[in-house]
Amino acid sequence: MTRGSLGVHLIAAKGLDNSDFLCNMDPYVIITCRTQEKKSSVASGMGSEPEWNENFVFSLSSDVSELSIKIMDSDAGSADDIVGEAKIPLDALFEEGSIPPTSYNVVKDEEFCGEIRVGLTFTPEEVNEGSQEEESYGGWTQSSYQE
């Protein structure tokens, strides 16, 4: 079982398909790790080459096999468009502890539509075995109550 914190450094994307025909799109990212979801700021007017340079932290308390990154185009007055998705396997991260900024393929409808650059770090939760033993056996402590 994996416990700890997952740090995600969202850097930039390139070569994205511009979903806005008349102007540059305004991309943002939704990062999902199991049931946790984080949203980046909107890279207004940056089109197919957005830069974010933002950090996010997720708490891991069970086995997680991948991180999902969905790139969206913010549209005022209508529903936001999906630009594409990237799935990042986490097995190597748990073994190495960190993955330097790396480009991952962004896919939409099973077709390549750009790249997203992300760096990852994993900090395992420290388990102090001595304190667990004390807790499991219980113990009497003196009350600080005074009359």
C-alpha atoms as a PDB file:
ATOM      1  CA  MET A   1       0.000   0.000   0.000  1.00  0.00           C
ATOM      2  CA  THR A   2       1.325   3.427  -0.999  1.00  0.00           C
ATOM      3  CA  ARG A   3       1.054   6.304   1.477  1.00  0.00           C
ATOM      4  CA  GLY A   4       2.519   9.761   1.135  1.00  0.00           C
ATOM      5  CA  SER A   5       2.246  12.908  -0.918  1.00  0.00           C
ATOM      6  CA  LEU A   6       2.444  13.251  -4.673  1.00  0.00           C
ATOM      7  CA  GLY A   7       3.825  16.552  -5.946  1.00  0.00           C
ATOM      8  CA  VAL A   8       2.882  17.542  -9.485  1.00  0.00           C
ATOM      9  CA  HIS A   9       4.748  20.372 -11.225  1.00  0.00           C
ATOM     10  CA  LEU A  10       2.609  21.403 -14.203  1.00  0.00           C
ATOM     11  CA  ILE A  11       4.940  23.237 -16.571  1.00  0.00           C
ATOM     12  CA  ALA A  12       3.521  23.736 -20.058  1.00  0.00           C
ATOM     13  CA  ALA A  13       2.002  22.140 -23.141  1.00  0.00           C
ATOM     14  CA  LYS A  14       2.860  22.426 -26.819  1.00  0.00           C
ATOM     15  CA  GLY A  15       1.439  21.453 -30.166  1.00  0.00           C
ATOM     16  CA  LEU A  16      -2.130  21.346 -28.871  1.00  0.00           C
ATOM     17  CA  ASP A  17      -4.993  21.410 -31.352  1.00  0.00           C
ATOM     18  CA  ASN A  18      -6.564  24.867 -31.093  1.00  0.00           C
ATOM     19  CA  SER A  19     -10.278  24.310 -30.465  1.00  0.00           C
ATOM     20  CA  ASP A  20     -11.155  28.001 -30.989  1.00  0.00           C
ATOM     21  CA  PHE A  21     -11.444  28.978 -34.639  1.00  0.00           C
ATOM     22  CA  LEU A  22     -11.495  32.766 -34.396  1.00  0.00           C
ATOM     23  CA  CYS A  23      -9.029  33.348 -31.573  1.00  0.00           C
ATOM     24  CA  ASN A  24      -6.494  31.608 -29.355  1.00  0.00           C
ATOM     25  CA  MET A  25      -7.950  29.134 -26.896  1.00  0.00           C
ATOM     26  CA  ASP A  26      -7.685  29.644 -23.126  1.00  0.00           C
ATOM     27  CA  PRO A  27      -6.431  26.284 -21.811  1.00  0.00           C
ATOM     28  CA  TYR A  28      -6.468  25.023 -18.248  1.00  0.00           C
ATOM     29  CA  VAL A  29      -5.774  21.617 -16.756  1.00  0.00           C
ATOM     30  CA  ILE A  30      -7.709  19.298 -14.459  1.00  0.00           C
ATOM     31  CA  ILE A  31      -5.414  16.827 -12.672  1.00  0.00           C
ATOM     32  CA  THR A  32      -7.089  13.779 -11.146  1.00  0.00           C
ATOM     33  CA  CYS A  33      -5.556  11.294  -8.730  1.00  0.00           C
ATOM     34  CA  ARG A  34      -8.191   8.719  -7.701  1.00  0.00           C
ATOM     35  CA  THR A  35     -10.965  10.858  -6.187  1.00  0.00           C
ATOM     36  CA  GLN A  36      -8.880  14.033  -5.719  1.00  0.00           C
ATOM     37  CA  GLU A  37      -9.094  16.700  -8.384  1.00  0.00           C
ATOM     38  CA  LYS A  38      -7.095  19.919  -8.780  1.00  0.00           C
ATOM     39  CA  LYS A  39      -7.558  22.641 -11.376  1.00  0.00           C
ATOM     40  CA  SER A  40      -4.874  24.937 -12.794  1.00  0.00           C
ATOM     41  CA  SER A  41      -5.314  28.579 -13.616  1.00  0.00           C
ATOM     42  CA  VAL A  42      -6.503  29.489 -17.112  1.00  0.00           C
ATOM     43  CA  ALA A  43      -3.661  30.332 -19.516  1.00  0.00           C
ATOM     44  CA  SER A  44      -5.638  33.149 -21.159  1.00  0.00           C
ATOM     45  CA  GLY A  45      -4.980  33.624 -24.855  1.00  0.00           C
ATOM     46  CA  MET A  46      -1.967  31.291 -24.886  1.00  0.00           C
ATOM     47  CA  GLY A  47      -3.523  29.021 -27.504  1.00  0.00           C
ATOM     48  CA  SER A  48      -1.698  25.801 -28.380  1.00  0.00           C
ATOM     49  CA  GLU A  49       1.499  26.645 -26.409  1.00  0.00           C
ATOM     50  CA  PRO A  50       0.272  27.384 -22.840  1.00  0.00           C
ATOM     51  CA  GLU A  51       2.553  27.767 -19.826  1.00  0.00           C
ATOM     52  CA  TRP A  52       1.385  27.346 -16.232  1.00  0.00           C
ATOM     53  CA  ASN A  53       4.404  26.597 -14.000  1.00  0.00           C
ATOM     54  CA  GLU A  54       2.137  25.583 -11.097  1.00  0.00           C
ATOM     55  CA  ASN A  55       2.519  23.018  -8.316  1.00  0.00           C
ATOM     56  CA  PHE A  56      -0.117  20.717  -6.855  1.00  0.00           C
ATOM     57  CA  VAL A  57       0.014  18.205  -3.991  1.00  0.00           C
ATOM     58  CA  PHE A  58      -2.121  15.085  -3.647  1.00  0.00           C
ATOM     59  CA  SER A  59      -2.378  12.841  -0.578  1.00  0.00           C
ATOM     60  CA  LEU A  60      -1.989   9.165  -1.417  1.00  0.00           C
ATOM     61  CA  SER A  61      -3.447   6.624   0.987  1.00  0.00           C
ATOM     62  CA  SER A  62      -3.886   3.594  -1.234  1.00  0.00           C
ATOM     63  CA  ASP A  63      -2.471   2.025  -4.367  1.00  0.00           C
ATOM     64  CA  VAL A  64      -2.692   4.489  -7.236  1.00  0.00           C
ATOM     65  CA  SER A  65      -1.495   3.357 -10.646  1.00  0.00           C
ATOM     66  CA  GLU A  66      -1.816   6.539 -12.717  1.00  0.00           C
ATOM     67  CA  LEU A  67      -2.384  10.270 -12.777  1.00  0.00           C
ATOM     68  CA  SER A  68      -4.932  11.661 -15.219  1.00  0.00           C
ATOM     69  CA  ILE A  69      -4.421  15.073 -16.806  1.00  0.00           C
ATOM     70  CA  LYS A  70      -7.215  16.607 -18.835  1.00  0.00           C
ATOM     71  CA  ILE A  71      -6.601  19.787 -20.837  1.00  0.00           C
ATOM     72  CA  MET A  72      -9.678  21.961 -21.253  1.00  0.00           C
ATOM     73  CA  ASP A  73     -10.426  25.155 -23.192  1.00  0.00           C
ATOM     74  CA  SER A  74     -12.252  27.754 -21.113  1.00  0.00           C
ATOM     75  CA  ASP A  75     -15.131  29.218 -23.137  1.00  0.00           C
ATOM     76  CA  ALA A  76     -17.148  32.147 -21.842  1.00  0.00           C
ATOM     77  CA  GLY A  77     -20.861  31.681 -22.412  1.00  0.00           C
ATOM     78  CA  SER A  78     -20.688  28.016 -23.412  1.00  0.00           C
ATOM     79  CA  ALA A  79     -19.438  24.687 -22.086  1.00  0.00           C
ATOM     80  CA  ASP A  80     -15.662  24.270 -21.906  1.00  0.00           C
ATOM     81  CA  ASP A  81     -14.154  22.063 -24.631  1.00  0.00           C
ATOM     82  CA  ILE A  82     -11.935  19.050 -23.990  1.00  0.00           C
ATOM     83  CA  VAL A  83      -8.612  19.572 -25.784  1.00  0.00           C
ATOM     84  CA  GLY A  84      -7.153  16.170 -24.829  1.00  0.00           C
ATOM     85  CA  GLU A  85      -5.956  13.885 -22.036  1.00  0.00           C
ATOM     86  CA  ALA A  86      -2.722  12.361 -20.794  1.00  0.00           C
ATOM     87  CA  LYS A  87      -2.420   9.354 -18.481  1.00  0.00           C
ATOM     88  CA  ILE A  88       0.822   9.144 -16.494  1.00  0.00           C
ATOM     89  CA  PRO A  89       1.754   5.771 -14.955  1.00  0.00           C
ATOM     90  CA  LEU A  90       3.127   6.165 -11.421  1.00  0.00           C
ATOM     91  CA  ASP A  91       4.995   2.866 -10.863  1.00  0.00           C
ATOM     92  CA  ALA A  92       8.406   4.320 -11.811  1.00  0.00           C
ATOM     93  CA  LEU A  93       7.768   7.337  -9.570  1.00  0.00           C
ATOM     94  CA  PHE A  94       7.248   5.152  -6.493  1.00  0.00           C
ATOM     95  CA  GLU A  95      10.530   3.337  -7.216  1.00  0.00           C
ATOM     96  CA  GLU A  96      12.621   6.433  -8.038  1.00  0.00           C
ATOM     97  CA  GLY A  97      11.013   9.039  -5.750  1.00  0.00           C
ATOM     98  CA  SER A  98      10.909  11.673  -8.488  1.00  0.00           C
ATOM     99  CA  ILE A  99      10.598  12.037 -12.243  1.00  0.00           C
ATOM    100  CA  PRO A 100      12.161  15.177 -13.738  1.00  0.00           C
ATOM    101  CA  PRO A 101      10.031  17.301 -16.070  1.00  0.00           C
ATOM    102  CA  THR A 102       8.976  14.975 -18.882  1.00  0.00           C
ATOM    103  CA  SER A 103       6.728  15.396 -21.926  1.00  0.00           C
ATOM    104  CA  TYR A 104       3.682  13.131 -22.145  1.00  0.00           C
ATOM    105  CA  ASN A 105       1.450  12.612 -25.176  1.00  0.00           C
ATOM    106  CA  VAL A 106      -1.941  14.297 -25.130  1.00  0.00           C
ATOM    107  CA  VAL A 107      -4.615  12.229 -26.840  1.00  0.00           C
ATOM    108  CA  LYS A 108      -8.192  12.909 -27.903  1.00  0.00           C
ATOM    109  CA  ASP A 109     -10.369  10.246 -29.524  1.00  0.00           C
ATOM    110  CA  GLU A 110      -7.298   7.969 -29.641  1.00  0.00           C
ATOM    111  CA  GLU A 111      -5.366  10.504 -31.763  1.00  0.00           C
ATOM    112  CA  PHE A 112      -2.215  12.422 -30.769  1.00  0.00           C
ATOM    113  CA  CYS A 113      -2.980  16.111 -30.288  1.00  0.00           C
ATOM    114  CA  GLY A 114       0.035  17.592 -28.488  1.00  0.00           C
ATOM    115  CA  GLU A 115       2.295  17.192 -25.465  1.00  0.00           C
ATOM    116  CA  ILE A 116       2.174  18.254 -21.831  1.00  0.00           C
ATOM    117  CA  ARG A 117       5.283  18.703 -19.681  1.00  0.00           C
ATOM    118  CA  VAL A 118       5.040  17.602 -16.052  1.00  0.00           C
ATOM    119  CA  GLY A 119       7.495  16.867 -13.221  1.00  0.00           C
ATOM    120  CA  LEU A 120       6.571  14.502 -10.371  1.00  0.00           C
ATOM    121  CA  THR A 121       7.832  13.838  -6.839  1.00  0.00           C
ATOM    122  CA  PHE A 122       6.694  11.300  -4.277  1.00  0.00           C
ATOM    123  CA  THR A 123       7.339  11.704  -0.555  1.00  0.00           C
ATOM    124  CA  PRO A 124       6.490   8.540   1.384  1.00  0.00           C
ATOM    125  CA  GLU A 125       4.704   8.973   4.686  1.00  0.00           C
ATOM    126  CA  GLU A 126       7.015   8.216   7.579  1.00  0.00           C
ATOM    127  CA  VAL A 127       5.688   5.461   9.775  1.00  0.00           C
ATOM    128  CA  ASN A 128       7.037   5.508  13.305  1.00  0.00           C
ATOM    129  CA  GLU A 129       6.659   1.897  14.349  1.00  0.00           C
ATOM    130  CA  GLY A 130       7.418   2.591  18.016  1.00  0.00           C
ATOM    131  CA  SER A 131       4.438   4.907  18.421  1.00  0.00           C
ATOM    132  CA  GLN A 132       2.112   2.393  16.773  1.00  0.00           C
ATOM    133  CA  GLU A 133       3.070  -0.262  19.321  1.00  0.00           C
ATOM    134  CA  GLU A 134       2.358   2.088  22.214  1.00  0.00           C
ATOM    135  CA  GLU A 135      -1.022   2.963  20.750  1.00  0.00           C
ATOM    136  CA  SER A 136      -1.998  -0.652  20.144  1.00  0.00           C
ATOM    137  CA  TYR A 137      -1.221  -1.745  23.712  1.00  0.00           C
ATOM    138  CA  GLY A 138      -2.849   1.278  25.281  1.00  0.00           C
ATOM    139  CA  GLY A 139      -1.613   2.789  28.492  1.00  0.00           C
ATOM    140  CA  TRP A 140      -2.542   4.766  31.553  1.00  0.00           C
ATOM    141  CA  THR A 141      -1.704   8.448  31.669  1.00  0.00           C
ATOM    142  CA  GLN A 142      -2.078  10.796  34.583  1.00  0.00           C
ATOM    143  CA  SER A 143      -4.839  13.305  34.316  1.00  0.00           C
ATOM    144  CA  SER A 144      -3.906  16.979  34.455  1.00  0.00           C
ATOM    145  CA  TYR A 145      -7.208  17.706  36.210  1.00  0.00           C
ATOM    146  CA  GLN A 146      -6.758  19.349  39.589  1.00  0.00           C
ATOM    147  CA  GLU A 147      -9.362  20.174  42.236  1.00  0.00           C
END
